[in-house]
Each structure stands twice: as structure tokens, then as C-alpha cells.
Amino acid sequence: MTNGTEPPAYPVQLSVDYPDRPLNRLSSAFRIVLAVPILIVLESVSGGHIAASQGNDLAYGAGATLFFAPLLMILFRQKYPRWWFDWNLELQRFGNRVLVFLALMDDRYPSTDEKQAVRLDYKYPDVPRDLNRWLPLVKWFLAIPHYVALFFLTLASLGCVIVAWFAVLFTGRYPRGIFTFVEGVLRWAQRVTAYAFLLVTDKYPPFRLAP
């Protein structure tokens, strides 16, 4: 229940716990180098690459976000297999933990299974009731205005992370205003991903950083 001044809650929610404590300055200084192993792990489970070999395209990778298969199931069977939903959700959680680590928002090394500082949730859809079976065909197109907005927001957030890097090195603290902005960009991007590619909601993502 919301009052008249608050926007309704979007069905995809992402938040990051603010580290109200001194952050590890040494870890922050070499964050990109330290993140290499976990980026390799993320790459190995996210898959989706194409490699050329003797004129043939070969797909490799162990997983990748499931998009085309859920689209077909929603379109022809009006079903979203639960284990596909769970796979996508856990992969998104893991990917966001890695992004939060890279953005210096948490100095704990990203876990492959524990939630840590990142809270990402969305409801499993009752497809016949919650999802239009034809909409997945055009969601990626309808989200184009969000791609444009996120392009500029991502550039701005990268600049903010650089400023935060210096702040953490000199003070051990992540500026709260920068943290809130970067968290908002991550939230916005996740909502667009959930709408256009994970296909878990038909509710169009709001143009806002706030929850």
C-alpha cells in the first residue's frame, strides 16, 4: 500500500547495503586486478560467446542468461519453467555481486552463492495471468528508450566510481551520494533486463533511479 506521493513499487527490486564502515584501501586500490578470477568464473557460467573456427561459428560457454527458450515457452505453452527462472535469477544475483565489487561498493570478495550486500528479487510469474504471450516478441524493442538512457547513466556512474575510488583511498569511506546514484543505475539496468530479456514481468520499467 503506497500513499499518494510515492510511486508504486516495481516488481523487480534491487538494493545494495551501504558499507557504513571503513573499507579496505589496499583491496580498493587494486580492485580490477583482484576481480580477474571472479570475472573468469562469471564468464564461464554466463557463456554466450561465438568463436570462429575454419569458417564456422561455434558457440561455447556453460550457461548464459536464458532468453530465447523462455520466450518460446511463454509464446506457445504459456509456461515459464521454474528452474529456468531460478537459474536466471541466481545468475543475475551473482553478476550484480561482481559489479558491486568492481564498483567498490563492497570490499568482500563476491560469493558464488551467498547474497552478501546485494538484494535482488522478483516474483515468479503466473504466465497465463501475469504475462501477455505475444509481448516477449517486442519487449526488447520497446525498451530502446531505456538503452539510450542507460548508456549515459552508465558513463556517469563510471565517472562516479573513479571519484569514489579516490575517496576510499584517502578516507576509507564511500561517499553516500555517489553510492546511492550508482546503486540506482544498477537497479534501473536490472529492471530493464528483467523486463526485456528475462521476461518475468510485463510492467514497463520506470524512468527512475529510486526503488
N, C-alpha and C. Protein backbone atom coordinates (compact mmCIF):
# COMPACT_ATOMS: atom_id res chain seq x y z
N MET A 1 0.86 -1.20 0.00
CA MET A 1 0.00 0.00 0.00
C MET A 1 0.89 1.24 0.00
N THR A 2 0.72 2.14 -0.97
CA THR A 2 1.53 3.34 -1.05
C THR A 2 0.64 4.55 -0.89
N ASN A 3 1.22 5.67 -0.41
CA ASN A 3 0.45 6.89 -0.29
C ASN A 3 0.42 7.62 -1.63
N GLY A 4 -0.25 8.76 -1.68
CA GLY A 4 -0.43 9.44 -2.94
C GLY A 4 0.83 10.07 -3.50
N THR A 5 1.89 10.21 -2.71
CA THR A 5 3.10 10.86 -3.18
C THR A 5 4.19 9.87 -3.58
N GLU A 6 4.04 8.59 -3.26
CA GLU A 6 5.06 7.61 -3.58
C GLU A 6 4.67 6.80 -4.80
N PRO A 7 5.64 6.57 -5.73
CA PRO A 7 5.32 5.74 -6.89
C PRO A 7 5.13 4.29 -6.46
N PRO A 8 4.31 3.53 -7.17
CA PRO A 8 4.12 2.13 -6.80
C PRO A 8 5.41 1.34 -6.98
N ALA A 9 5.60 0.34 -6.15
CA ALA A 9 6.81 -0.46 -6.20
C ALA A 9 6.86 -1.26 -7.49
N TYR A 10 8.01 -1.26 -8.15
CA TYR A 10 8.18 -2.06 -9.35
C TYR A 10 8.43 -3.50 -8.94
N PRO A 11 7.93 -4.49 -9.70
CA PRO A 11 8.05 -5.89 -9.28
C PRO A 11 9.47 -6.43 -9.25
N VAL A 12 10.43 -5.71 -9.80
CA VAL A 12 11.84 -6.11 -9.72
C VAL A 12 12.55 -5.15 -8.78
N GLN A 13 13.08 -5.66 -7.68
CA GLN A 13 13.71 -4.82 -6.67
C GLN A 13 15.18 -5.19 -6.48
N LEU A 14 16.03 -4.19 -6.51
CA LEU A 14 17.46 -4.39 -6.25
C LEU A 14 17.94 -3.33 -5.29
N SER A 15 18.67 -3.74 -4.28
CA SER A 15 19.28 -2.80 -3.35
C SER A 15 20.64 -3.33 -2.92
N VAL A 16 21.50 -2.41 -2.50
CA VAL A 16 22.84 -2.77 -2.05
C VAL A 16 23.04 -2.14 -0.67
N ASP A 17 23.47 -2.93 0.29
CA ASP A 17 23.70 -2.42 1.64
C ASP A 17 24.88 -1.45 1.64
N TYR A 18 24.63 -0.25 2.16
CA TYR A 18 25.72 0.75 2.22
C TYR A 18 26.75 0.33 3.27
N PRO A 19 28.03 0.32 2.90
CA PRO A 19 29.08 -0.08 3.87
C PRO A 19 29.40 1.05 4.84
N ASP A 20 28.66 1.14 5.91
CA ASP A 20 28.86 2.21 6.88
C ASP A 20 30.02 1.84 7.82
N ARG A 21 31.19 1.70 7.22
CA ARG A 21 32.40 1.28 7.93
C ARG A 21 33.59 1.61 7.05
N PRO A 22 34.78 1.62 7.60
CA PRO A 22 35.97 1.82 6.75
C PRO A 22 36.16 0.66 5.78
N LEU A 23 36.37 0.99 4.52
CA LEU A 23 36.61 -0.03 3.51
C LEU A 23 38.11 -0.32 3.40
N ASN A 24 38.43 -1.49 2.91
CA ASN A 24 39.82 -1.91 2.76
C ASN A 24 40.47 -1.10 1.63
N ARG A 25 41.41 -0.24 1.98
CA ARG A 25 42.01 0.65 0.98
C ARG A 25 42.91 -0.11 0.02
N LEU A 26 43.64 -1.09 0.51
CA LEU A 26 44.55 -1.85 -0.36
C LEU A 26 43.75 -2.64 -1.39
N SER A 27 42.68 -3.29 -0.93
CA SER A 27 41.81 -4.03 -1.84
C SER A 27 41.19 -3.09 -2.88
N SER A 28 40.79 -1.92 -2.45
CA SER A 28 40.17 -0.96 -3.36
C SER A 28 41.17 -0.46 -4.40
N ALA A 29 42.41 -0.28 -3.98
CA ALA A 29 43.43 0.24 -4.89
C ALA A 29 43.69 -0.70 -6.06
N PHE A 30 43.61 -1.99 -5.80
CA PHE A 30 43.91 -2.99 -6.84
C PHE A 30 42.67 -3.81 -7.20
N ARG A 31 41.50 -3.19 -7.13
CA ARG A 31 40.25 -3.90 -7.32
C ARG A 31 40.14 -4.60 -8.67
N ILE A 32 40.56 -3.92 -9.73
CA ILE A 32 40.43 -4.51 -11.06
C ILE A 32 41.25 -5.79 -11.17
N VAL A 33 42.46 -5.77 -10.61
CA VAL A 33 43.32 -6.96 -10.65
C VAL A 33 42.72 -8.08 -9.81
N LEU A 34 42.24 -7.74 -8.63
CA LEU A 34 41.68 -8.75 -7.73
C LEU A 34 40.41 -9.37 -8.30
N ALA A 35 39.71 -8.63 -9.13
CA ALA A 35 38.44 -9.13 -9.67
C ALA A 35 38.63 -10.10 -10.83
N VAL A 36 39.82 -10.22 -11.36
CA VAL A 36 40.03 -11.06 -12.54
C VAL A 36 39.57 -12.51 -12.33
N PRO A 37 39.94 -13.18 -11.22
CA PRO A 37 39.49 -14.57 -11.05
C PRO A 37 37.97 -14.73 -11.04
N ILE A 38 37.28 -13.85 -10.32
CA ILE A 38 35.83 -14.00 -10.24
C ILE A 38 35.17 -13.60 -11.56
N LEU A 39 35.79 -12.72 -12.33
CA LEU A 39 35.27 -12.40 -13.66
C LEU A 39 35.39 -13.60 -14.59
N ILE A 40 36.47 -14.36 -14.43
CA ILE A 40 36.63 -15.58 -15.23
C ILE A 40 35.55 -16.59 -14.87
N VAL A 41 35.28 -16.71 -13.55
CA VAL A 41 34.22 -17.62 -13.10
C VAL A 41 32.87 -17.18 -13.67
N LEU A 42 32.58 -15.88 -13.58
CA LEU A 42 31.32 -15.36 -14.11
C LEU A 42 31.21 -15.61 -15.61
N GLU A 43 32.32 -15.40 -16.30
CA GLU A 43 32.35 -15.63 -17.75
C GLU A 43 32.08 -17.10 -18.07
N SER A 44 32.60 -18.00 -17.26
CA SER A 44 32.46 -19.42 -17.54
C SER A 44 31.01 -19.90 -17.37
N VAL A 45 30.25 -19.25 -16.48
CA VAL A 45 28.86 -19.66 -16.29
C VAL A 45 27.89 -18.84 -17.12
N SER A 46 28.30 -17.66 -17.56
CA SER A 46 27.39 -16.82 -18.34
C SER A 46 27.42 -17.17 -19.81
N GLY A 47 28.57 -17.66 -20.31
CA GLY A 47 28.66 -18.19 -21.67
C GLY A 47 28.23 -17.20 -22.72
N GLY A 48 27.65 -17.73 -23.79
CA GLY A 48 27.07 -16.89 -24.84
C GLY A 48 28.05 -16.32 -25.82
N HIS A 49 29.24 -16.88 -25.96
CA HIS A 49 30.23 -16.35 -26.88
C HIS A 49 30.20 -17.10 -28.21
N ILE A 50 30.68 -16.43 -29.21
CA ILE A 50 30.80 -17.05 -30.52
C ILE A 50 32.25 -16.99 -30.95
N ALA A 51 32.79 -18.11 -31.33
CA ALA A 51 34.18 -18.16 -31.79
C ALA A 51 34.21 -18.69 -33.23
N ALA A 52 35.08 -18.14 -34.04
CA ALA A 52 35.18 -18.57 -35.43
C ALA A 52 36.26 -19.64 -35.56
N SER A 53 35.93 -20.71 -36.24
CA SER A 53 36.89 -21.79 -36.44
C SER A 53 36.66 -22.40 -37.81
N GLN A 54 37.64 -22.19 -38.72
CA GLN A 54 37.58 -22.74 -40.06
C GLN A 54 36.29 -22.35 -40.78
N GLY A 55 35.95 -21.10 -40.60
CA GLY A 55 34.77 -20.57 -41.29
C GLY A 55 33.45 -20.89 -40.64
N ASN A 56 33.47 -21.64 -39.55
CA ASN A 56 32.22 -21.98 -38.86
C ASN A 56 32.14 -21.25 -37.55
N ASP A 57 30.91 -20.86 -37.18
CA ASP A 57 30.69 -20.20 -35.89
C ASP A 57 30.38 -21.27 -34.85
N LEU A 58 31.15 -21.24 -33.76
CA LEU A 58 30.97 -22.23 -32.70
C LEU A 58 30.58 -21.52 -31.42
N ALA A 59 29.47 -21.89 -30.85
CA ALA A 59 29.05 -21.31 -29.57
C ALA A 59 29.71 -22.08 -28.45
N TYR A 60 30.22 -21.37 -27.46
CA TYR A 60 30.78 -22.05 -26.31
C TYR A 60 30.40 -21.32 -25.05
N GLY A 61 30.55 -21.97 -23.90
CA GLY A 61 30.15 -21.41 -22.62
C GLY A 61 29.21 -22.37 -21.92
N ALA A 62 29.20 -22.31 -20.61
CA ALA A 62 28.46 -23.31 -19.85
C ALA A 62 27.03 -22.92 -19.52
N GLY A 63 26.64 -21.67 -19.78
CA GLY A 63 25.31 -21.32 -19.33
C GLY A 63 24.67 -20.22 -20.14
N ALA A 64 24.81 -19.00 -19.71
CA ALA A 64 24.22 -17.80 -20.30
C ALA A 64 22.80 -17.60 -19.78
N THR A 65 22.40 -16.33 -19.78
CA THR A 65 21.03 -16.00 -19.42
C THR A 65 20.08 -16.63 -20.43
N LEU A 66 19.06 -17.29 -19.93
CA LEU A 66 18.09 -17.94 -20.80
C LEU A 66 17.08 -16.91 -21.28
N PHE A 67 17.02 -16.69 -22.58
CA PHE A 67 16.08 -15.73 -23.15
C PHE A 67 15.18 -16.38 -24.21
N PHE A 68 15.79 -16.97 -25.22
CA PHE A 68 15.01 -17.48 -26.34
C PHE A 68 14.10 -18.64 -25.93
N ALA A 69 14.62 -19.54 -25.08
CA ALA A 69 13.81 -20.68 -24.65
C ALA A 69 12.58 -20.25 -23.83
N PRO A 70 12.73 -19.37 -22.80
CA PRO A 70 11.54 -18.89 -22.10
C PRO A 70 10.57 -18.16 -23.03
N LEU A 71 11.12 -17.41 -24.00
CA LEU A 71 10.25 -16.70 -24.95
C LEU A 71 9.35 -17.70 -25.69
N LEU A 72 9.95 -18.81 -26.16
CA LEU A 72 9.17 -19.80 -26.89
C LEU A 72 8.14 -20.47 -25.99
N MET A 73 8.54 -20.76 -24.75
CA MET A 73 7.61 -21.41 -23.83
C MET A 73 6.44 -20.49 -23.48
N ILE A 74 6.72 -19.21 -23.27
CA ILE A 74 5.64 -18.25 -22.98
C ILE A 74 4.72 -18.11 -24.19
N LEU A 75 5.33 -18.06 -25.36
CA LEU A 75 4.56 -17.85 -26.59
C LEU A 75 3.67 -19.03 -26.92
N PHE A 76 4.21 -20.25 -26.86
CA PHE A 76 3.47 -21.42 -27.34
C PHE A 76 2.82 -22.26 -26.24
N ARG A 77 3.39 -22.22 -25.01
CA ARG A 77 2.85 -23.06 -23.95
C ARG A 77 2.32 -22.27 -22.77
N GLN A 78 2.57 -20.97 -22.76
CA GLN A 78 2.20 -20.11 -21.63
C GLN A 78 2.74 -20.69 -20.31
N LYS A 79 4.02 -21.03 -20.35
CA LYS A 79 4.72 -21.55 -19.19
C LYS A 79 6.09 -20.90 -19.08
N TYR A 80 6.58 -20.80 -17.86
CA TYR A 80 7.96 -20.35 -17.61
C TYR A 80 8.53 -21.38 -16.63
N PRO A 81 9.27 -22.38 -17.12
CA PRO A 81 9.78 -23.42 -16.22
C PRO A 81 10.50 -22.83 -15.02
N ARG A 82 10.15 -23.31 -13.85
CA ARG A 82 10.67 -22.72 -12.63
C ARG A 82 12.19 -22.78 -12.54
N TRP A 83 12.78 -23.87 -13.00
CA TRP A 83 14.24 -23.96 -12.87
C TRP A 83 14.94 -23.00 -13.82
N TRP A 84 14.31 -22.65 -14.94
CA TRP A 84 14.86 -21.62 -15.82
C TRP A 84 14.80 -20.26 -15.12
N PHE A 85 13.68 -19.99 -14.48
CA PHE A 85 13.52 -18.75 -13.71
C PHE A 85 14.57 -18.65 -12.62
N ASP A 86 14.74 -19.74 -11.86
CA ASP A 86 15.71 -19.74 -10.76
C ASP A 86 17.13 -19.57 -11.28
N TRP A 87 17.46 -20.19 -12.40
CA TRP A 87 18.79 -20.05 -12.99
C TRP A 87 19.06 -18.58 -13.33
N ASN A 88 18.11 -17.96 -14.04
CA ASN A 88 18.29 -16.55 -14.43
C ASN A 88 18.42 -15.65 -13.22
N LEU A 89 17.60 -15.88 -12.20
CA LEU A 89 17.65 -15.04 -11.01
C LEU A 89 18.99 -15.17 -10.29
N GLU A 90 19.46 -16.39 -10.09
CA GLU A 90 20.73 -16.59 -9.39
C GLU A 90 21.91 -16.08 -10.20
N LEU A 91 21.84 -16.22 -11.53
CA LEU A 91 22.92 -15.69 -12.36
C LEU A 91 22.96 -14.16 -12.28
N GLN A 92 21.78 -13.53 -12.27
CA GLN A 92 21.72 -12.07 -12.13
C GLN A 92 22.24 -11.63 -10.77
N ARG A 93 21.91 -12.36 -9.72
CA ARG A 93 22.42 -12.03 -8.39
C ARG A 93 23.94 -12.11 -8.35
N PHE A 94 24.47 -13.19 -8.91
CA PHE A 94 25.92 -13.36 -8.94
C PHE A 94 26.58 -12.25 -9.75
N GLY A 95 26.04 -11.95 -10.92
CA GLY A 95 26.61 -10.90 -11.75
C GLY A 95 26.58 -9.54 -11.06
N ASN A 96 25.51 -9.26 -10.34
CA ASN A 96 25.43 -7.98 -9.62
C ASN A 96 26.39 -7.92 -8.45
N ARG A 97 26.64 -9.06 -7.80
CA ARG A 97 27.66 -9.06 -6.73
C ARG A 97 29.04 -8.71 -7.29
N VAL A 98 29.32 -9.23 -8.47
CA VAL A 98 30.60 -8.91 -9.11
C VAL A 98 30.66 -7.44 -9.50
N LEU A 99 29.57 -6.90 -10.04
CA LEU A 99 29.53 -5.48 -10.40
C LEU A 99 29.70 -4.58 -9.18
N VAL A 100 29.05 -4.95 -8.09
CA VAL A 100 29.15 -4.17 -6.85
C VAL A 100 30.58 -4.18 -6.33
N PHE A 101 31.25 -5.32 -6.43
CA PHE A 101 32.65 -5.43 -6.02
C PHE A 101 33.53 -4.54 -6.90
N LEU A 102 33.31 -4.59 -8.21
CA LEU A 102 34.09 -3.76 -9.13
C LEU A 102 33.84 -2.27 -8.89
N ALA A 103 32.61 -1.92 -8.51
CA ALA A 103 32.27 -0.52 -8.26
C ALA A 103 32.68 -0.05 -6.88
N LEU A 104 33.42 -0.91 -6.14
CA LEU A 104 33.98 -0.58 -4.81
C LEU A 104 32.91 -0.43 -3.73
N MET A 105 31.69 -0.87 -4.01
CA MET A 105 30.58 -0.69 -3.06
C MET A 105 30.62 -1.72 -1.94
N ASP A 106 31.41 -2.76 -2.10
CA ASP A 106 31.60 -3.78 -1.08
C ASP A 106 33.00 -4.32 -1.24
N ASP A 107 33.74 -4.45 -0.14
CA ASP A 107 35.11 -4.96 -0.25
C ASP A 107 35.21 -6.44 0.04
N ARG A 108 34.07 -7.09 0.26
CA ARG A 108 34.09 -8.55 0.42
C ARG A 108 34.12 -9.20 -0.96
N TYR A 109 34.92 -10.24 -1.10
CA TYR A 109 35.05 -10.88 -2.41
C TYR A 109 33.71 -11.51 -2.78
N PRO A 110 33.28 -11.35 -4.05
CA PRO A 110 31.95 -11.84 -4.44
C PRO A 110 31.80 -13.35 -4.22
N SER A 111 30.71 -13.71 -3.59
CA SER A 111 30.39 -15.11 -3.37
C SER A 111 29.63 -15.65 -4.58
N THR A 112 29.80 -16.94 -4.86
CA THR A 112 29.06 -17.54 -5.96
C THR A 112 27.64 -17.93 -5.55
N ASP A 113 27.36 -17.94 -4.22
CA ASP A 113 26.03 -18.36 -3.79
C ASP A 113 25.42 -17.52 -2.67
N GLU A 114 26.23 -16.89 -1.82
CA GLU A 114 25.69 -16.09 -0.73
C GLU A 114 25.27 -14.70 -1.23
N LYS A 115 24.22 -14.14 -0.66
CA LYS A 115 23.69 -12.86 -1.13
C LYS A 115 24.60 -11.68 -0.82
N GLN A 116 25.32 -11.73 0.29
CA GLN A 116 26.20 -10.64 0.72
C GLN A 116 25.44 -9.32 0.77
N ALA A 117 25.98 -8.26 0.15
CA ALA A 117 25.36 -6.93 0.28
C ALA A 117 24.27 -6.68 -0.75
N VAL A 118 24.15 -7.56 -1.74
CA VAL A 118 23.22 -7.33 -2.85
C VAL A 118 21.92 -8.07 -2.61
N ARG A 119 20.81 -7.34 -2.72
CA ARG A 119 19.49 -7.94 -2.57
C ARG A 119 18.72 -7.73 -3.88
N LEU A 120 18.52 -8.81 -4.58
CA LEU A 120 17.79 -8.77 -5.84
C LEU A 120 16.66 -9.80 -5.79
N ASP A 121 15.45 -9.33 -6.04
CA ASP A 121 14.31 -10.23 -6.00
C ASP A 121 13.28 -9.82 -7.04
N TYR A 122 12.66 -10.81 -7.64
CA TYR A 122 11.46 -10.58 -8.42
C TYR A 122 10.59 -11.83 -8.35
N LYS A 123 9.31 -11.63 -8.52
CA LYS A 123 8.33 -12.68 -8.30
C LYS A 123 8.25 -13.63 -9.48
N TYR A 124 8.13 -14.92 -9.17
CA TYR A 124 7.91 -15.92 -10.21
C TYR A 124 6.54 -15.68 -10.84
N PRO A 125 6.47 -15.51 -12.16
CA PRO A 125 5.19 -15.14 -12.78
C PRO A 125 4.25 -16.31 -13.00
N ASP A 126 2.98 -16.07 -12.79
CA ASP A 126 1.94 -16.98 -13.23
C ASP A 126 1.65 -16.58 -14.68
N VAL A 127 2.23 -17.29 -15.62
CA VAL A 127 2.26 -16.82 -17.00
C VAL A 127 0.88 -16.51 -17.58
N PRO A 128 -0.09 -17.42 -17.51
CA PRO A 128 -1.41 -17.08 -18.11
C PRO A 128 -2.04 -15.84 -17.50
N ARG A 129 -1.76 -15.59 -16.22
CA ARG A 129 -2.38 -14.44 -15.54
C ARG A 129 -1.53 -13.18 -15.65
N ASP A 130 -0.19 -13.31 -15.55
CA ASP A 130 0.69 -12.15 -15.40
C ASP A 130 1.35 -11.69 -16.69
N LEU A 131 1.48 -12.58 -17.68
CA LEU A 131 2.26 -12.24 -18.87
C LEU A 131 1.42 -12.38 -20.14
N ASN A 132 1.54 -11.38 -21.01
CA ASN A 132 0.95 -11.45 -22.34
C ASN A 132 1.84 -12.33 -23.20
N ARG A 133 1.27 -13.35 -23.81
CA ARG A 133 2.09 -14.33 -24.52
C ARG A 133 2.80 -13.74 -25.74
N TRP A 134 2.28 -12.63 -26.31
CA TRP A 134 2.87 -12.04 -27.51
C TRP A 134 3.87 -10.94 -27.20
N LEU A 135 3.80 -10.37 -26.03
CA LEU A 135 4.66 -9.23 -25.70
C LEU A 135 6.15 -9.56 -25.71
N PRO A 136 6.60 -10.76 -25.32
CA PRO A 136 8.04 -11.04 -25.37
C PRO A 136 8.67 -10.84 -26.74
N LEU A 137 7.87 -10.88 -27.80
CA LEU A 137 8.42 -10.69 -29.14
C LEU A 137 8.90 -9.27 -29.38
N VAL A 138 8.35 -8.31 -28.63
CA VAL A 138 8.67 -6.90 -28.90
C VAL A 138 9.25 -6.17 -27.68
N LYS A 139 9.38 -6.84 -26.55
CA LYS A 139 9.87 -6.14 -25.36
C LYS A 139 11.25 -5.53 -25.57
N TRP A 140 12.13 -6.28 -26.24
CA TRP A 140 13.48 -5.77 -26.48
C TRP A 140 13.45 -4.47 -27.29
N PHE A 141 12.46 -4.35 -28.17
CA PHE A 141 12.32 -3.14 -28.99
C PHE A 141 11.70 -2.01 -28.18
N LEU A 142 10.69 -2.33 -27.38
CA LEU A 142 10.03 -1.31 -26.57
C LEU A 142 10.98 -0.69 -25.55
N ALA A 143 12.04 -1.43 -25.19
CA ALA A 143 12.98 -0.94 -24.17
C ALA A 143 14.07 -0.04 -24.74
N ILE A 144 14.03 0.28 -26.04
CA ILE A 144 15.07 1.10 -26.65
C ILE A 144 15.29 2.44 -25.93
N PRO A 145 14.23 3.17 -25.53
CA PRO A 145 14.48 4.42 -24.79
C PRO A 145 15.32 4.20 -23.52
N HIS A 146 15.13 3.05 -22.88
CA HIS A 146 15.93 2.75 -21.69
C HIS A 146 17.39 2.50 -22.04
N TYR A 147 17.65 1.85 -23.19
CA TYR A 147 19.04 1.62 -23.59
C TYR A 147 19.77 2.95 -23.74
N VAL A 148 19.08 3.90 -24.35
CA VAL A 148 19.70 5.22 -24.55
C VAL A 148 19.98 5.89 -23.21
N ALA A 149 18.98 5.88 -22.32
CA ALA A 149 19.17 6.50 -21.01
C ALA A 149 20.29 5.80 -20.23
N LEU A 150 20.32 4.48 -20.30
CA LEU A 150 21.33 3.73 -19.54
C LEU A 150 22.73 3.92 -20.09
N PHE A 151 22.85 4.20 -21.38
CA PHE A 151 24.16 4.49 -21.95
C PHE A 151 24.79 5.69 -21.25
N PHE A 152 24.02 6.76 -21.13
CA PHE A 152 24.55 7.97 -20.49
C PHE A 152 24.67 7.80 -18.97
N LEU A 153 23.73 7.09 -18.37
CA LEU A 153 23.81 6.85 -16.93
C LEU A 153 25.02 5.99 -16.58
N THR A 154 25.33 5.02 -17.44
CA THR A 154 26.49 4.16 -17.19
C THR A 154 27.79 4.96 -17.29
N LEU A 155 27.88 5.85 -18.27
CA LEU A 155 29.06 6.71 -18.37
C LEU A 155 29.20 7.57 -17.11
N ALA A 156 28.09 8.13 -16.65
CA ALA A 156 28.12 8.95 -15.45
C ALA A 156 28.53 8.14 -14.23
N SER A 157 28.01 6.90 -14.14
CA SER A 157 28.35 6.07 -12.98
C SER A 157 29.81 5.67 -12.99
N LEU A 158 30.39 5.45 -14.17
CA LEU A 158 31.82 5.14 -14.25
C LEU A 158 32.66 6.30 -13.72
N GLY A 159 32.26 7.53 -14.09
CA GLY A 159 32.95 8.70 -13.55
C GLY A 159 32.80 8.79 -12.05
N CYS A 160 31.63 8.46 -11.54
CA CYS A 160 31.39 8.49 -10.10
C CYS A 160 32.23 7.45 -9.37
N VAL A 161 32.38 6.27 -9.98
CA VAL A 161 33.19 5.23 -9.35
C VAL A 161 34.66 5.66 -9.25
N ILE A 162 35.15 6.35 -10.27
CA ILE A 162 36.52 6.86 -10.22
C ILE A 162 36.68 7.85 -9.07
N VAL A 163 35.70 8.73 -8.91
CA VAL A 163 35.74 9.68 -7.79
C VAL A 163 35.69 8.92 -6.46
N ALA A 164 34.83 7.91 -6.40
CA ALA A 164 34.72 7.11 -5.18
C ALA A 164 36.02 6.37 -4.88
N TRP A 165 36.71 5.93 -5.92
CA TRP A 165 38.00 5.22 -5.75
C TRP A 165 38.99 6.12 -5.00
N PHE A 166 39.09 7.38 -5.42
CA PHE A 166 39.99 8.31 -4.72
C PHE A 166 39.50 8.55 -3.30
N ALA A 167 38.19 8.68 -3.13
CA ALA A 167 37.64 8.93 -1.79
C ALA A 167 37.96 7.77 -0.85
N VAL A 168 37.81 6.53 -1.33
CA VAL A 168 38.09 5.37 -0.49
C VAL A 168 39.58 5.30 -0.17
N LEU A 169 40.43 5.59 -1.14
CA LEU A 169 41.88 5.55 -0.91
C LEU A 169 42.31 6.54 0.16
N PHE A 170 41.72 7.72 0.16
CA PHE A 170 42.15 8.77 1.09
C PHE A 170 41.38 8.77 2.41
N THR A 171 40.14 8.32 2.39
CA THR A 171 39.33 8.40 3.61
C THR A 171 38.84 7.04 4.11
N GLY A 172 38.88 6.03 3.24
CA GLY A 172 38.36 4.73 3.62
C GLY A 172 36.84 4.65 3.54
N ARG A 173 36.19 5.70 3.10
CA ARG A 173 34.73 5.75 3.05
C ARG A 173 34.23 5.97 1.62
N TYR A 174 33.08 5.38 1.34
CA TYR A 174 32.45 5.56 0.04
C TYR A 174 31.41 6.68 0.18
N PRO A 175 31.55 7.77 -0.57
CA PRO A 175 30.59 8.87 -0.45
C PRO A 175 29.15 8.39 -0.63
N ARG A 176 28.29 8.74 0.31
CA ARG A 176 26.93 8.20 0.32
C ARG A 176 26.14 8.61 -0.92
N GLY A 177 26.28 9.86 -1.35
CA GLY A 177 25.55 10.32 -2.52
C GLY A 177 25.95 9.56 -3.78
N ILE A 178 27.25 9.31 -3.96
CA ILE A 178 27.72 8.56 -5.11
C ILE A 178 27.21 7.12 -5.04
N PHE A 179 27.25 6.54 -3.85
CA PHE A 179 26.77 5.17 -3.65
C PHE A 179 25.31 5.04 -4.08
N THR A 180 24.49 6.00 -3.64
CA THR A 180 23.06 5.96 -3.96
C THR A 180 22.83 6.07 -5.46
N PHE A 181 23.63 6.92 -6.13
CA PHE A 181 23.49 7.08 -7.57
C PHE A 181 23.87 5.80 -8.31
N VAL A 182 25.03 5.22 -7.98
CA VAL A 182 25.49 4.01 -8.67
C VAL A 182 24.52 2.86 -8.40
N GLU A 183 24.03 2.75 -7.17
CA GLU A 183 23.02 1.74 -6.84
C GLU A 183 21.78 1.92 -7.70
N GLY A 184 21.37 3.18 -7.90
CA GLY A 184 20.20 3.45 -8.72
C GLY A 184 20.39 3.05 -10.17
N VAL A 185 21.59 3.26 -10.71
CA VAL A 185 21.87 2.86 -12.09
C VAL A 185 21.82 1.34 -12.22
N LEU A 186 22.40 0.64 -11.25
CA LEU A 186 22.34 -0.82 -11.26
C LEU A 186 20.88 -1.30 -11.20
N ARG A 187 20.09 -0.63 -10.37
CA ARG A 187 18.68 -1.01 -10.22
C ARG A 187 17.92 -0.79 -11.54
N TRP A 188 18.15 0.35 -12.15
CA TRP A 188 17.49 0.68 -13.42
C TRP A 188 17.84 -0.37 -14.47
N ALA A 189 19.14 -0.69 -14.60
CA ALA A 189 19.59 -1.67 -15.59
C ALA A 189 18.98 -3.04 -15.33
N GLN A 190 18.88 -3.42 -14.06
CA GLN A 190 18.32 -4.73 -13.74
C GLN A 190 16.84 -4.80 -14.08
N ARG A 191 16.12 -3.72 -13.87
CA ARG A 191 14.70 -3.70 -14.23
C ARG A 191 14.50 -3.86 -15.72
N VAL A 192 15.34 -3.19 -16.50
CA VAL A 192 15.25 -3.31 -17.96
C VAL A 192 15.58 -4.72 -18.40
N THR A 193 16.62 -5.31 -17.81
CA THR A 193 17.00 -6.68 -18.13
C THR A 193 15.86 -7.65 -17.80
N ALA A 194 15.25 -7.47 -16.64
CA ALA A 194 14.17 -8.37 -16.22
C ALA A 194 12.96 -8.24 -17.14
N TYR A 195 12.69 -7.04 -17.60
CA TYR A 195 11.54 -6.80 -18.49
C TYR A 195 11.81 -7.30 -19.91
N ALA A 196 12.93 -6.89 -20.49
CA ALA A 196 13.16 -7.11 -21.92
C ALA A 196 13.78 -8.47 -22.24
N PHE A 197 14.55 -9.04 -21.31
CA PHE A 197 15.30 -10.25 -21.64
C PHE A 197 15.00 -11.44 -20.72
N LEU A 198 14.76 -11.19 -19.44
CA LEU A 198 14.38 -12.29 -18.57
C LEU A 198 12.89 -12.59 -18.67
N LEU A 199 12.11 -11.60 -19.11
CA LEU A 199 10.69 -11.77 -19.43
C LEU A 199 9.84 -12.15 -18.22
N VAL A 200 10.20 -11.65 -17.04
CA VAL A 200 9.49 -12.03 -15.83
C VAL A 200 8.34 -11.09 -15.47
N THR A 201 8.25 -9.96 -16.17
CA THR A 201 7.16 -9.02 -15.91
C THR A 201 6.79 -8.29 -17.19
N ASP A 202 5.53 -7.91 -17.31
CA ASP A 202 5.07 -7.10 -18.42
C ASP A 202 4.99 -5.62 -18.06
N LYS A 203 5.26 -5.30 -16.82
CA LYS A 203 5.17 -3.91 -16.38
C LYS A 203 6.39 -3.13 -16.89
N TYR A 204 6.13 -2.07 -17.65
CA TYR A 204 7.22 -1.32 -18.26
C TYR A 204 8.09 -0.67 -17.19
N PRO A 205 9.42 -0.77 -17.32
CA PRO A 205 10.30 -0.21 -16.30
C PRO A 205 10.14 1.30 -16.16
N PRO A 206 10.17 1.80 -14.93
CA PRO A 206 10.07 3.26 -14.74
C PRO A 206 11.39 3.95 -15.07
N PHE A 207 11.28 5.20 -15.47
CA PHE A 207 12.48 6.00 -15.73
C PHE A 207 12.89 6.68 -14.42
N ARG A 208 13.42 5.90 -13.52
CA ARG A 208 13.85 6.47 -12.25
C ARG A 208 14.93 5.59 -11.61
N LEU A 209 15.73 6.22 -10.77
CA LEU A 209 16.80 5.52 -10.05
C LEU A 209 16.31 4.95 -8.74
N ALA A 210 15.27 5.54 -8.18
CA ALA A 210 14.79 5.17 -6.85
C ALA A 210 14.09 3.82 -6.89
N PRO A 211 13.93 3.18 -5.74
CA PRO A 211 13.21 1.91 -5.66
C PRO A 211 11.77 2.03 -6.17
